[in-house]
């Protein structure tokens, strides 16, 4: 599994999801990269967490598009850090997000996060 090196170790990542099991899986994957993960489950936690500083915001594919936009808008009021939107096959990247990756491939997710945080 890919690991962050040097200055990237300990980067703070806010991970937003509407699905508890997917949230836990992403938290574990990001933890293996050496990230400090703040998990936000549902609208209320997402809008609270997006007011915090972070090195990356990850939004799961289970989050409805209008909710993704609201979370990104809130995050942008408090941070200039990049936003990674997880998508399913056939979905387009939201223009508000900096990056998108298909959520069905954990290796690609890890690689994308590592690349963004370098």
PDB file of N, CA and C in Angstrom:
ATOM      1  N   UNK A   1       0.847  -1.187   0.000  1.00  0.00           N
ATOM      2  CA  UNK A   1       0.000   0.000   0.000  1.00  0.00           C
ATOM      3  C   UNK A   1       0.891   1.249   0.000  1.00  0.00           C
ATOM      4  N   UNK A   2       0.501   2.211  -0.776  1.00  0.00           N
ATOM      5  CA  UNK A   2       1.250   3.462  -0.890  1.00  0.00           C
ATOM      6  C   UNK A   2       1.225   4.210   0.457  1.00  0.00           C
ATOM      7  N   UNK A   3       2.347   4.823   0.800  1.00  0.00           N
ATOM      8  CA  UNK A   3       2.411   5.594   2.046  1.00  0.00           C
ATOM      9  C   UNK A   3       2.894   6.999   1.756  1.00  0.00           C
ATOM     10  N   UNK A   4       2.391   7.954   2.536  1.00  0.00           N
ATOM     11  CA  UNK A   4       2.868   9.324   2.420  1.00  0.00           C
ATOM     12  C   UNK A   4       4.249   9.408   3.030  1.00  0.00           C
ATOM     13  N   UNK A   5       5.059  10.294   2.531  1.00  0.00           N
ATOM     14  CA  UNK A   5       6.424  10.454   3.017  1.00  0.00           C
ATOM     15  C   UNK A   5       6.645  11.885   3.471  1.00  0.00           C
ATOM     16  N   UNK A   6       7.617  12.064   4.369  1.00  0.00           N
ATOM     17  CA  UNK A   6       8.082  13.387   4.765  1.00  0.00           C
ATOM     18  C   UNK A   6       6.998  14.321   5.243  1.00  0.00           C
ATOM     19  N   UNK A   7       6.925  15.491   4.602  1.00  0.00           N
ATOM     20  CA  UNK A   7       6.007  16.551   5.022  1.00  0.00           C
ATOM     21  C   UNK A   7       4.530  16.162   4.903  1.00  0.00           C
ATOM     22  N   UNK A   8       4.233  15.145   4.119  1.00  0.00           N
ATOM     23  CA  UNK A   8       2.836  14.776   3.919  1.00  0.00           C
ATOM     24  C   UNK A   8       2.277  13.934   5.064  1.00  0.00           C
ATOM     25  N   UNK A   9       3.138  13.356   5.870  1.00  0.00           N
ATOM     26  CA  UNK A   9       2.674  12.542   6.984  1.00  0.00           C
ATOM     27  C   UNK A   9       1.877  13.413   7.953  1.00  0.00           C
ATOM     28  N   UNK A  10       0.702  12.950   8.334  1.00  0.00           N
ATOM     29  CA  UNK A  10      -0.118  13.693   9.278  1.00  0.00           C
ATOM     30  C   UNK A  10      -1.011  14.749   8.648  1.00  0.00           C
ATOM     31  N   UNK A  11      -1.141  14.752   7.343  1.00  0.00           N
ATOM     32  CA  UNK A  11      -2.046  15.708   6.696  1.00  0.00           C
ATOM     33  C   UNK A  11      -3.464  15.470   7.205  1.00  0.00           C
ATOM     34  N   UNK A  12      -4.191  16.544   7.364  1.00  0.00           N
ATOM     35  CA  UNK A  12      -5.568  16.478   7.893  1.00  0.00           C
ATOM     36  C   UNK A  12      -6.552  16.395   6.744  1.00  0.00           C
ATOM     37  N   UNK A  13      -7.364  15.345   6.737  1.00  0.00           N
ATOM     38  CA  UNK A  13      -8.340  15.104   5.680  1.00  0.00           C
ATOM     39  C   UNK A  13      -9.728  15.003   6.292  1.00  0.00           C
ATOM     40  N   UNK A  14     -10.645  15.810   5.776  1.00  0.00           N
ATOM     41  CA  UNK A  14     -12.055  15.700   6.174  1.00  0.00           C
ATOM     42  C   UNK A  14     -12.726  14.798   5.148  1.00  0.00           C
ATOM     43  N   UNK A  15     -13.373  13.770   5.635  1.00  0.00           N
ATOM     44  CA  UNK A  15     -14.010  12.785   4.764  1.00  0.00           C
ATOM     45  C   UNK A  15     -15.508  12.771   5.053  1.00  0.00           C
ATOM     46  N   UNK A  16     -16.303  13.184   4.063  1.00  0.00           N
ATOM     47  CA  UNK A  16     -17.752  13.308   4.222  1.00  0.00           C
ATOM     48  C   UNK A  16     -18.454  12.149   3.512  1.00  0.00           C
ATOM     49  N   UNK A  17     -19.401  11.539   4.201  1.00  0.00           N
ATOM     50  CA  UNK A  17     -20.166  10.441   3.612  1.00  0.00           C
ATOM     51  C   UNK A  17     -21.576  10.420   4.181  1.00  0.00           C
ATOM     52  N   UNK A  18     -22.444   9.766   3.477  1.00  0.00           N
ATOM     53  CA  UNK A  18     -23.807   9.533   3.965  1.00  0.00           C
ATOM     54  C   UNK A  18     -23.955   8.073   4.370  1.00  0.00           C
ATOM     55  N   UNK A  19     -22.910   7.254   4.147  1.00  0.00           N
ATOM     56  CA  UNK A  19     -22.969   5.817   4.394  1.00  0.00           C
ATOM     57  C   UNK A  19     -21.922   5.439   5.448  1.00  0.00           C
ATOM     58  N   UNK A  20     -22.355   4.937   6.622  1.00  0.00           N
ATOM     59  CA  UNK A  20     -21.414   4.645   7.712  1.00  0.00           C
ATOM     60  C   UNK A  20     -20.311   3.640   7.347  1.00  0.00           C
ATOM     61  N   UNK A  21     -20.645   2.573   6.618  1.00  0.00           N
ATOM     62  CA  UNK A  21     -19.617   1.575   6.305  1.00  0.00           C
ATOM     63  C   UNK A  21     -18.600   2.119   5.306  1.00  0.00           C
ATOM     64  N   UNK A  22     -19.050   2.903   4.341  1.00  0.00           N
ATOM     65  CA  UNK A  22     -18.113   3.510   3.395  1.00  0.00           C
ATOM     66  C   UNK A  22     -17.229   4.535   4.103  1.00  0.00           C
ATOM     67  N   UNK A  23     -17.804   5.256   5.035  1.00  0.00           N
ATOM     68  CA  UNK A  23     -17.042   6.231   5.811  1.00  0.00           C
ATOM     69  C   UNK A  23     -15.918   5.543   6.577  1.00  0.00           C
ATOM     70  N   UNK A  24     -16.231   4.431   7.219  1.00  0.00           N
ATOM     71  CA  UNK A  24     -15.236   3.687   7.991  1.00  0.00           C
ATOM     72  C   UNK A  24     -14.138   3.148   7.076  1.00  0.00           C
ATOM     73  N   UNK A  25     -14.516   2.609   5.929  1.00  0.00           N
ATOM     74  CA  UNK A  25     -13.535   2.083   4.977  1.00  0.00           C
ATOM     75  C   UNK A  25     -12.575   3.175   4.531  1.00  0.00           C
ATOM     76  N   UNK A  26     -13.101   4.341   4.197  1.00  0.00           N
ATOM     77  CA  UNK A  26     -12.241   5.450   3.765  1.00  0.00           C
ATOM     78  C   UNK A  26     -11.343   5.929   4.899  1.00  0.00           C
ATOM     79  N   UNK A  27     -11.885   5.943   6.105  1.00  0.00           N
ATOM     80  CA  UNK A  27     -11.083   6.350   7.260  1.00  0.00           C
ATOM     81  C   UNK A  27      -9.897   5.399   7.434  1.00  0.00           C
ATOM     82  N   UNK A  28     -10.125   4.112   7.265  1.00  0.00           N
ATOM     83  CA  UNK A  28      -9.052   3.119   7.389  1.00  0.00           C
ATOM     84  C   UNK A  28      -8.015   3.310   6.283  1.00  0.00           C
ATOM     85  N   UNK A  29      -8.487   3.470   5.045  1.00  0.00           N
ATOM     86  CA  UNK A  29      -7.565   3.663   3.918  1.00  0.00           C
ATOM     87  C   UNK A  29      -6.714   4.915   4.104  1.00  0.00           C
ATOM     88  N   UNK A  30      -7.350   6.008   4.491  1.00  0.00           N
ATOM     89  CA  UNK A  30      -6.615   7.259   4.688  1.00  0.00           C
ATOM     90  C   UNK A  30      -5.659   7.155   5.881  1.00  0.00           C
ATOM     91  N   UNK A  31      -6.059   6.420   6.898  1.00  0.00           N
ATOM     92  CA  UNK A  31      -5.186   6.193   8.041  1.00  0.00           C
ATOM     93  C   UNK A  31      -3.922   5.443   7.647  1.00  0.00           C
ATOM     94  N   UNK A  32      -4.045   4.483   6.729  1.00  0.00           N
ATOM     95  CA  UNK A  32      -2.877   3.750   6.238  1.00  0.00           C
ATOM     96  C   UNK A  32      -1.910   4.668   5.499  1.00  0.00           C
ATOM     97  N   UNK A  33      -2.419   5.763   4.972  1.00  0.00           N
ATOM     98  CA  UNK A  33      -1.556   6.731   4.293  1.00  0.00           C
ATOM     99  C   UNK A  33      -0.864   7.669   5.279  1.00  0.00           C
ATOM    100  N   UNK A  34      -1.252   7.590   6.542  1.00  0.00           N
ATOM    101  CA  UNK A  34      -0.666   8.468   7.545  1.00  0.00           C
ATOM    102  C   UNK A  34      -1.452   9.747   7.760  1.00  0.00           C
ATOM    103  N   UNK A  35      -2.651   9.807   7.189  1.00  0.00           N
ATOM    104  CA  UNK A  35      -3.487  11.007   7.322  1.00  0.00           C
ATOM    105  C   UNK A  35      -4.198  11.018   8.671  1.00  0.00           C
ATOM    106  N   UNK A  36      -4.430  12.216   9.172  1.00  0.00           N
ATOM    107  CA  UNK A  36      -5.313  12.410  10.323  1.00  0.00           C
ATOM    108  C   UNK A  36      -6.692  12.649   9.722  1.00  0.00           C
ATOM    109  N   UNK A  37      -7.623  11.763   9.994  1.00  0.00           N
ATOM    110  CA  UNK A  37      -8.917  11.780   9.339  1.00  0.00           C
ATOM    111  C   UNK A  37     -10.007  12.289  10.272  1.00  0.00           C
ATOM    112  N   UNK A  38     -10.799  13.226   9.765  1.00  0.00           N
ATOM    113  CA  UNK A  38     -12.005  13.684  10.441  1.00  0.00           C
ATOM    114  C   UNK A  38     -13.164  13.155   9.604  1.00  0.00           C
ATOM    115  N   UNK A  39     -13.922  12.210  10.160  1.00  0.00           N
ATOM    116  CA  UNK A  39     -15.061  11.652   9.431  1.00  0.00           C
ATOM    117  C   UNK A  39     -16.320  12.423   9.783  1.00  0.00           C
ATOM    118  N   UNK A  40     -17.082  12.763   8.762  1.00  0.00           N
ATOM    119  CA  UNK A  40     -18.350  13.464   8.950  1.00  0.00           C
ATOM    120  C   UNK A  40     -19.431  12.650   8.264  1.00  0.00           C
ATOM    121  N   UNK A  41     -20.403  12.224   9.041  1.00  0.00           N
ATOM    122  CA  UNK A  41     -21.472  11.383   8.530  1.00  0.00           C
ATOM    123  C   UNK A  41     -22.778  12.177   8.520  1.00  0.00           C
ATOM    124  N   UNK A  42     -23.326  12.392   7.338  1.00  0.00           N
ATOM    125  CA  UNK A  42     -24.586  13.108   7.212  1.00  0.00           C
ATOM    126  C   UNK A  42     -24.414  14.609   7.113  1.00  0.00           C
ATOM    127  N   UNK A  43     -25.513  15.271   6.805  1.00  0.00           N
ATOM    128  CA  UNK A  43     -25.511  16.715   6.533  1.00  0.00           C
ATOM    129  C   UNK A  43     -25.000  17.559   7.708  1.00  0.00           C
ATOM    130  N   UNK A  44     -25.508  17.295   8.893  1.00  0.00           N
ATOM    131  CA  UNK A  44     -25.161  18.110  10.051  1.00  0.00           C
ATOM    132  C   UNK A  44     -23.658  18.038  10.355  1.00  0.00           C
ATOM    133  N   UNK A  45     -23.113  16.824  10.429  1.00  0.00           N
ATOM    134  CA  UNK A  45     -21.683  16.672  10.703  1.00  0.00           C
ATOM    135  C   UNK A  45     -20.849  17.249   9.556  1.00  0.00           C
ATOM    136  N   UNK A  46     -21.307  17.066   8.319  1.00  0.00           N
ATOM    137  CA  UNK A  46     -20.567  17.580   7.161  1.00  0.00           C
ATOM    138  C   UNK A  46     -20.455  19.097   7.216  1.00  0.00           C
ATOM    139  N   UNK A  47     -21.571  19.764   7.493  1.00  0.00           N
ATOM    140  CA  UNK A  47     -21.547  21.227   7.529  1.00  0.00           C
ATOM    141  C   UNK A  47     -20.766  21.762   8.725  1.00  0.00           C
ATOM    142  N   UNK A  48     -20.714  21.001   9.795  1.00  0.00           N
ATOM    143  CA  UNK A  48     -19.894  21.394  10.946  1.00  0.00           C
ATOM    144  C   UNK A  48     -18.413  21.198  10.623  1.00  0.00           C
ATOM    145  N   UNK A  49     -18.053  20.072  10.060  1.00  0.00           N
ATOM    146  CA  UNK A  49     -16.651  19.759   9.759  1.00  0.00           C
ATOM    147  C   UNK A  49     -16.058  20.646   8.678  1.00  0.00           C
ATOM    148  N   UNK A  50     -16.887  21.068   7.726  1.00  0.00           N
ATOM    149  CA  UNK A  50     -16.353  21.859   6.608  1.00  0.00           C
ATOM    150  C   UNK A  50     -15.900  23.246   7.055  1.00  0.00           C
ATOM    151  N   UNK A  51     -16.199  23.607   8.287  1.00  0.00           N
ATOM    152  CA  UNK A  51     -15.754  24.899   8.824  1.00  0.00           C
ATOM    153  C   UNK A  51     -14.361  24.795   9.444  1.00  0.00           C
ATOM    154  N   UNK A  52     -13.805  23.589   9.486  1.00  0.00           N
ATOM    155  CA  UNK A  52     -12.491  23.359  10.059  1.00  0.00           C
ATOM    156  C   UNK A  52     -11.432  23.409   8.966  1.00  0.00           C
ATOM    157  N   UNK A  53     -10.212  23.665   9.364  1.00  0.00           N
ATOM    158  CA  UNK A  53      -9.126  23.663   8.382  1.00  0.00           C
ATOM    159  C   UNK A  53      -8.708  22.227   8.090  1.00  0.00           C
ATOM    160  N   UNK A  54      -8.291  22.005   6.852  1.00  0.00           N
ATOM    161  CA  UNK A  54      -7.858  20.678   6.428  1.00  0.00           C
ATOM    162  C   UNK A  54      -6.953  20.825   5.216  1.00  0.00           C
ATOM    163  N   UNK A  55      -6.232  19.766   4.919  1.00  0.00           N
ATOM    164  CA  UNK A  55      -5.381  19.735   3.731  1.00  0.00           C
ATOM    165  C   UNK A  55      -6.121  19.189   2.525  1.00  0.00           C
ATOM    166  N   UNK A  56      -7.256  18.509   2.771  1.00  0.00           N
ATOM    167  CA  UNK A  56      -8.058  17.923   1.699  1.00  0.00           C
ATOM    168  C   UNK A  56      -9.453  17.634   2.224  1.00  0.00           C
ATOM    169  N   UNK A  57     -10.440  17.872   1.373  1.00  0.00           N
ATOM    170  CA  UNK A  57     -11.815  17.469   1.652  1.00  0.00           C
ATOM    171  C   UNK A  57     -12.172  16.365   0.668  1.00  0.00           C
ATOM    172  N   UNK A  58     -12.605  15.216   1.191  1.00  0.00           N
ATOM    173  CA  UNK A  58     -13.053  14.097   0.362  1.00  0.00           C
ATOM    174  C   UNK A  58     -14.550  13.939   0.574  1.00  0.00           C
ATOM    175  N   UNK A  59     -15.306  13.920  -0.527  1.00  0.00           N
ATOM    176  CA  UNK A  59     -16.757  13.765  -0.434  1.00  0.00           C
ATOM    177  C   UNK A  59     -17.151  12.486  -1.152  1.00  0.00           C
ATOM    178  N   UNK A  60     -17.831  11.606  -0.426  1.00  0.00           N
ATOM    179  CA  UNK A  60     -18.212  10.300  -0.952  1.00  0.00           C
ATOM    180  C   UNK A  60     -19.285  10.350  -2.021  1.00  0.00           C
ATOM    181  N   UNK A  61     -19.335   9.275  -2.786  1.00  0.00           N
ATOM    182  CA  UNK A  61     -20.315   9.199  -3.878  1.00  0.00           C
ATOM    183  C   UNK A  61     -21.749   9.064  -3.367  1.00  0.00           C
ATOM    184  N   UNK A  62     -21.917   8.663  -2.109  1.00  0.00           N
ATOM    185  CA  UNK A  62     -23.270   8.509  -1.563  1.00  0.00           C
ATOM    186  C   UNK A  62     -23.923   9.852  -1.227  1.00  0.00           C
ATOM    187  N   UNK A  63     -23.130  10.908  -1.219  1.00  0.00           N
ATOM    188  CA  UNK A  63     -23.654  12.242  -0.908  1.00  0.00           C
ATOM    189  C   UNK A  63     -24.350  12.795  -2.153  1.00  0.00           C
ATOM    190  N   UNK A  64     -25.623  13.187  -2.030  1.00  0.00           N
ATOM    191  CA  UNK A  64     -26.336  13.748  -3.184  1.00  0.00           C
ATOM    192  C   UNK A  64     -25.619  14.996  -3.730  1.00  0.00           C
ATOM    193  N   UNK A  65     -25.702  15.201  -5.034  1.00  0.00           N
ATOM    194  CA  UNK A  65     -24.976  16.291  -5.708  1.00  0.00           C
ATOM    195  C   UNK A  65     -25.254  17.659  -5.086  1.00  0.00           C
ATOM    196  N   UNK A  66     -26.516  17.953  -4.757  1.00  0.00           N
ATOM    197  CA  UNK A  66     -26.816  19.259  -4.170  1.00  0.00           C
ATOM    198  C   UNK A  66     -26.184  19.405  -2.787  1.00  0.00           C
ATOM    199  N   UNK A  67     -26.103  18.315  -2.037  1.00  0.00           N
ATOM    200  CA  UNK A  67     -25.447  18.336  -0.722  1.00  0.00           C
ATOM    201  C   UNK A  67     -23.939  18.476  -0.888  1.00  0.00           C
ATOM    202  N   UNK A  68     -23.370  17.816  -1.911  1.00  0.00           N
ATOM    203  CA  UNK A  68     -21.932  17.977  -2.185  1.00  0.00           C
ATOM    204  C   UNK A  68     -21.618  19.450  -2.430  1.00  0.00           C
ATOM    205  N   UNK A  69     -22.459  20.082  -3.239  1.00  0.00           N
ATOM    206  CA  UNK A  69     -22.232  21.506  -3.543  1.00  0.00           C
ATOM    207  C   UNK A  69     -22.298  22.364  -2.284  1.00  0.00           C
ATOM    208  N   UNK A  70     -23.254  22.081  -1.404  1.00  0.00           N
ATOM    209  CA  UNK A  70     -23.399  22.850  -0.156  1.00  0.00           C
ATOM    210  C   UNK A  70     -22.172  22.674   0.742  1.00  0.00           C
ATOM    211  N   UNK A  71     -21.675  21.443   0.839  1.00  0.00           N
ATOM    212  CA  UNK A  71     -20.498  21.176   1.665  1.00  0.00           C
ATOM    213  C   UNK A  71     -19.266  21.869   1.070  1.00  0.00           C
ATOM    214  N   UNK A  72     -19.104  21.789  -0.241  1.00  0.00           N
ATOM    215  CA  UNK A  72     -17.964  22.440  -0.886  1.00  0.00           C
ATOM    216  C   UNK A  72     -18.032  23.956  -0.691  1.00  0.00           C
ATOM    217  N   UNK A  73     -19.217  24.521  -0.850  1.00  0.00           N
ATOM    218  CA  UNK A  73     -19.401  25.963  -0.650  1.00  0.00           C
ATOM    219  C   UNK A  73     -18.977  26.362   0.764  1.00  0.00           C
ATOM    220  N   UNK A  74     -19.439  25.609   1.741  1.00  0.00           N
ATOM    221  CA  UNK A  74     -19.089  25.862   3.142  1.00  0.00           C
ATOM    222  C   UNK A  74     -17.579  25.728   3.351  1.00  0.00           C
ATOM    223  N   UNK A  75     -16.994  24.670   2.819  1.00  0.00           N
ATOM    224  CA  UNK A  75     -15.559  24.429   2.962  1.00  0.00           C
ATOM    225  C   UNK A  75     -14.752  25.574   2.351  1.00  0.00           C
ATOM    226  N   UNK A  76     -15.171  26.053   1.199  1.00  0.00           N
ATOM    227  CA  UNK A  76     -14.465  27.136   0.495  1.00  0.00           C
ATOM    228  C   UNK A  76     -14.488  28.450   1.272  1.00  0.00           C
ATOM    229  N   UNK A  77     -15.462  28.617   2.156  1.00  0.00           N
ATOM    230  CA  UNK A  77     -15.508  29.819   2.993  1.00  0.00           C
ATOM    231  C   UNK A  77     -14.403  29.810   4.051  1.00  0.00           C
ATOM    232  N   UNK A  78     -13.839  28.625   4.318  1.00  0.00           N
ATOM    233  CA  UNK A  78     -12.870  28.475   5.400  1.00  0.00           C
ATOM    234  C   UNK A  78     -11.525  27.921   4.952  1.00  0.00           C
ATOM    235  N   UNK A  79     -11.421  27.471   3.703  1.00  0.00           N
ATOM    236  CA  UNK A  79     -10.198  26.818   3.264  1.00  0.00           C
ATOM    237  C   UNK A  79     -10.019  26.916   1.753  1.00  0.00           C
ATOM    238  N   UNK A  80      -8.768  26.957   1.335  1.00  0.00           N
ATOM    239  CA  UNK A  80      -8.441  26.900  -0.087  1.00  0.00           C
ATOM    240  C   UNK A  80      -7.919  25.527  -0.484  1.00  0.00           C
ATOM    241  N   UNK A  81      -7.996  24.566   0.431  1.00  0.00           N
ATOM    242  CA  UNK A  81      -7.487  23.219   0.161  1.00  0.00           C
ATOM    243  C   UNK A  81      -8.301  22.547  -0.944  1.00  0.00           C
ATOM    244  N   UNK A  82      -7.711  21.565  -1.607  1.00  0.00           N
ATOM    245  CA  UNK A  82      -8.415  20.882  -2.690  1.00  0.00           C
ATOM    246  C   UNK A  82      -9.577  20.024  -2.193  1.00  0.00           C
ATOM    247  N   UNK A  83     -10.492  19.767  -3.137  1.00  0.00           N
ATOM    248  CA  UNK A  83     -11.662  18.927  -2.873  1.00  0.00           C
ATOM    249  C   UNK A  83     -11.631  17.749  -3.851  1.00  0.00           C
ATOM    250  N   UNK A  84     -11.754  16.543  -3.304  1.00  0.00           N
ATOM    251  CA  UNK A  84     -11.821  15.326  -4.093  1.00  0.00           C
ATOM    252  C   UNK A  84     -13.224  14.759  -3.971  1.00  0.00           C
ATOM    253  N   UNK A  85     -13.909  14.640  -5.096  1.00  0.00           N
ATOM    254  CA  UNK A  85     -15.252  14.071  -5.122  1.00  0.00           C
ATOM    255  C   UNK A  85     -15.163  12.638  -5.621  1.00  0.00           C
ATOM    256  N   UNK A  86     -15.704  11.717  -4.837  1.00  0.00           N
ATOM    257  CA  UNK A  86     -15.750  10.326  -5.267  1.00  0.00           C
ATOM    258  C   UNK A  86     -17.010  10.138  -6.109  1.00  0.00           C
ATOM    259  N   UNK A  87     -16.858   9.455  -7.226  1.00  0.00           N
ATOM    260  CA  UNK A  87     -17.972   9.283  -8.154  1.00  0.00           C
ATOM    261  C   UNK A  87     -18.146   7.807  -8.484  1.00  0.00           C
ATOM    262  N   UNK A  88     -19.287   7.479  -9.057  1.00  0.00           N
ATOM    263  CA  UNK A  88     -19.526   6.136  -9.560  1.00  0.00           C
ATOM    264  C   UNK A  88     -19.383   6.161 -11.078  1.00  0.00           C
ATOM    265  N   UNK A  89     -19.273   4.998 -11.664  1.00  0.00           N
ATOM    266  CA  UNK A  89     -19.119   4.903 -13.114  1.00  0.00           C
ATOM    267  C   UNK A  89     -20.242   5.663 -13.804  1.00  0.00           C
ATOM    268  N   UNK A  90     -19.863   6.517 -14.732  1.00  0.00           N
ATOM    269  CA  UNK A  90     -20.848   7.283 -15.488  1.00  0.00           C
ATOM    270  C   UNK A  90     -21.162   8.648 -14.913  1.00  0.00           C
ATOM    271  N   UNK A  91     -20.790   8.891 -13.656  1.00  0.00           N
ATOM    272  CA  UNK A  91     -21.006  10.209 -13.060  1.00  0.00           C
ATOM    273  C   UNK A  91     -19.920  11.163 -13.527  1.00  0.00           C
ATOM    274  N   UNK A  92     -20.263  12.428 -13.654  1.00  0.00           N
ATOM    275  CA  UNK A  92     -19.290  13.452 -14.001  1.00  0.00           C
ATOM    276  C   UNK A  92     -18.789  14.127 -12.734  1.00  0.00           C
ATOM    277  N   UNK A  93     -17.579  14.654 -12.814  1.00  0.00           N
ATOM    278  CA  UNK A  93     -17.007  15.425 -11.710  1.00  0.00           C
ATOM    279  C   UNK A  93     -17.803  16.714 -11.567  1.00  0.00           C
ATOM    280  N   UNK A  94     -18.094  17.077 -10.342  1.00  0.00           N
ATOM    281  CA  UNK A  94     -18.732  18.366 -10.096  1.00  0.00           C
ATOM    282  C   UNK A  94     -17.740  19.469 -10.421  1.00  0.00           C
ATOM    283  N   UNK A  95     -18.176  20.536 -11.087  1.00  0.00           N
ATOM    284  CA  UNK A  95     -17.254  21.628 -11.392  1.00  0.00           C
ATOM    285  C   UNK A  95     -16.661  22.263 -10.133  1.00  0.00           C
ATOM    286  N   UNK A  96     -17.375  22.194  -9.026  1.00  0.00           N
ATOM    287  CA  UNK A  96     -16.906  22.793  -7.776  1.00  0.00           C
ATOM    288  C   UNK A  96     -15.746  22.016  -7.152  1.00  0.00           C
ATOM    289  N   UNK A  97     -15.598  20.748  -7.512  1.00  0.00           N
ATOM    290  CA  UNK A  97     -14.529  19.906  -6.968  1.00  0.00           C
ATOM    291  C   UNK A  97     -13.270  20.040  -7.831  1.00  0.00           C
ATOM    292  N   UNK A  98     -12.114  19.963  -7.189  1.00  0.00           N
ATOM    293  CA  UNK A  98     -10.851  20.032  -7.926  1.00  0.00           C
ATOM    294  C   UNK A  98     -10.530  18.722  -8.633  1.00  0.00           C
ATOM    295  N   UNK A  99     -10.907  17.617  -7.985  1.00  0.00           N
ATOM    296  CA  UNK A  99     -10.574  16.288  -8.492  1.00  0.00           C
ATOM    297  C   UNK A  99     -11.774  15.361  -8.337  1.00  0.00           C
ATOM    298  N   UNK A 100     -11.748  14.288  -9.121  1.00  0.00           N
ATOM    299  CA  UNK A 100     -12.750  13.229  -8.986  1.00  0.00           C
ATOM    300  C   UNK A 100     -12.072  11.900  -9.272  1.00  0.00           C
ATOM    301  N   UNK A 101     -12.511  10.870  -8.575  1.00  0.00           N
ATOM    302  CA  UNK A 101     -12.006   9.524  -8.806  1.00  0.00           C
ATOM    303  C   UNK A 101     -13.149   8.552  -8.534  1.00  0.00           C
ATOM    304  N   UNK A 102     -13.166   7.448  -9.296  1.00  0.00           N
ATOM    305  CA  UNK A 102     -14.215   6.454  -9.077  1.00  0.00           C
ATOM    306  C   UNK A 102     -14.013   5.782  -7.723  1.00  0.00           C
ATOM    307  N   UNK A 103     -15.109   5.669  -6.999  1.00  0.00           N
ATOM    308  CA  UNK A 103     -15.045   5.148  -5.639  1.00  0.00           C
ATOM    309  C   UNK A 103     -14.881   3.636  -5.593  1.00  0.00           C
ATOM    310  N   UNK A 104     -15.092   2.941  -6.710  1.00  0.00           N
ATOM    311  CA  UNK A 104     -15.050   1.479  -6.706  1.00  0.00           C
ATOM    312  C   UNK A 104     -13.628   0.913  -6.726  1.00  0.00           C
ATOM    313  N   UNK A 105     -12.617   1.776  -6.838  1.00  0.00           N
ATOM    314  CA  UNK A 105     -11.234   1.316  -6.935  1.00  0.00           C
ATOM    315  C   UNK A 105     -10.390   1.895  -5.791  1.00  0.00           C
ATOM    316  N   UNK A 106     -10.263   1.157  -4.676  1.00  0.00           N
ATOM    317  CA  UNK A 106      -9.506   1.674  -3.531  1.00  0.00           C
ATOM    318  C   UNK A 106      -8.063   2.048  -3.873  1.00  0.00           C
ATOM    319  N   UNK A 107      -7.409   1.273  -4.736  1.00  0.00           N
ATOM    320  CA  UNK A 107      -6.023   1.581  -5.103  1.00  0.00           C
ATOM    321  C   UNK A 107      -5.938   2.931  -5.818  1.00  0.00           C
ATOM    322  N   UNK A 108      -6.884   3.201  -6.700  1.00  0.00           N
ATOM    323  CA  UNK A 108      -6.895   4.486  -7.406  1.00  0.00           C
ATOM    324  C   UNK A 108      -7.202   5.632  -6.434  1.00  0.00           C
ATOM    325  N   UNK A 109      -8.101   5.386  -5.487  1.00  0.00           N
ATOM    326  CA  UNK A 109      -8.420   6.380  -4.454  1.00  0.00           C
ATOM    327  C   UNK A 109      -7.151   6.748  -3.677  1.00  0.00           C
ATOM    328  N   UNK A 110      -6.430   5.731  -3.215  1.00  0.00           N
ATOM    329  CA  UNK A 110      -5.206   5.946  -2.441  1.00  0.00           C
ATOM    330  C   UNK A 110      -4.165   6.700  -3.289  1.00  0.00           C
ATOM    331  N   UNK A 111      -4.001   6.275  -4.525  1.00  0.00           N
ATOM    332  CA  UNK A 111      -3.036   6.926  -5.406  1.00  0.00           C
ATOM    333  C   UNK A 111      -3.406   8.400  -5.626  1.00  0.00           C
ATOM    334  N   UNK A 112      -4.687   8.673  -5.857  1.00  0.00           N
ATOM    335  CA  UNK A 112      -5.145  10.037  -6.093  1.00  0.00           C
ATOM    336  C   UNK A 112      -4.916  10.906  -4.863  1.00  0.00           C
ATOM    337  N   UNK A 113      -5.293  10.425  -3.697  1.00  0.00           N
ATOM    338  CA  UNK A 113      -5.096  11.184  -2.462  1.00  0.00           C
ATOM    339  C   UNK A 113      -3.613  11.458  -2.238  1.00  0.00           C
ATOM    340  N   UNK A 114      -2.778  10.437  -2.422  1.00  0.00           N
ATOM    341  CA  UNK A 114      -1.334  10.616  -2.259  1.00  0.00           C
ATOM    342  C   UNK A 114      -0.800  11.679  -3.199  1.00  0.00           C
ATOM    343  N   UNK A 115      -1.243  11.653  -4.443  1.00  0.00           N
ATOM    344  CA  UNK A 115      -0.794  12.636  -5.441  1.00  0.00           C
ATOM    345  C   UNK A 115      -1.230  14.047  -5.070  1.00  0.00           C
ATOM    346  N   UNK A 116      -2.464  14.188  -4.609  1.00  0.00           N
ATOM    347  CA  UNK A 116      -2.988  15.506  -4.237  1.00  0.00           C
ATOM    348  C   UNK A 116      -2.204  16.084  -3.059  1.00  0.00           C
ATOM    349  N   UNK A 117      -1.887  15.245  -2.081  1.00  0.00           N
ATOM    350  CA  UNK A 117      -1.253  15.727  -0.862  1.00  0.00           C
ATOM    351  C   UNK A 117       0.255  15.957  -0.990  1.00  0.00           C
ATOM    352  N   UNK A 118       0.836  15.541  -2.089  1.00  0.00           N
ATOM    353  CA  UNK A 118       2.303  15.741  -2.271  1.00  0.00           C
ATOM    354  C   UNK A 118       2.651  17.162  -2.468  1.00  0.00           C
TER     355      UNK A 118
END
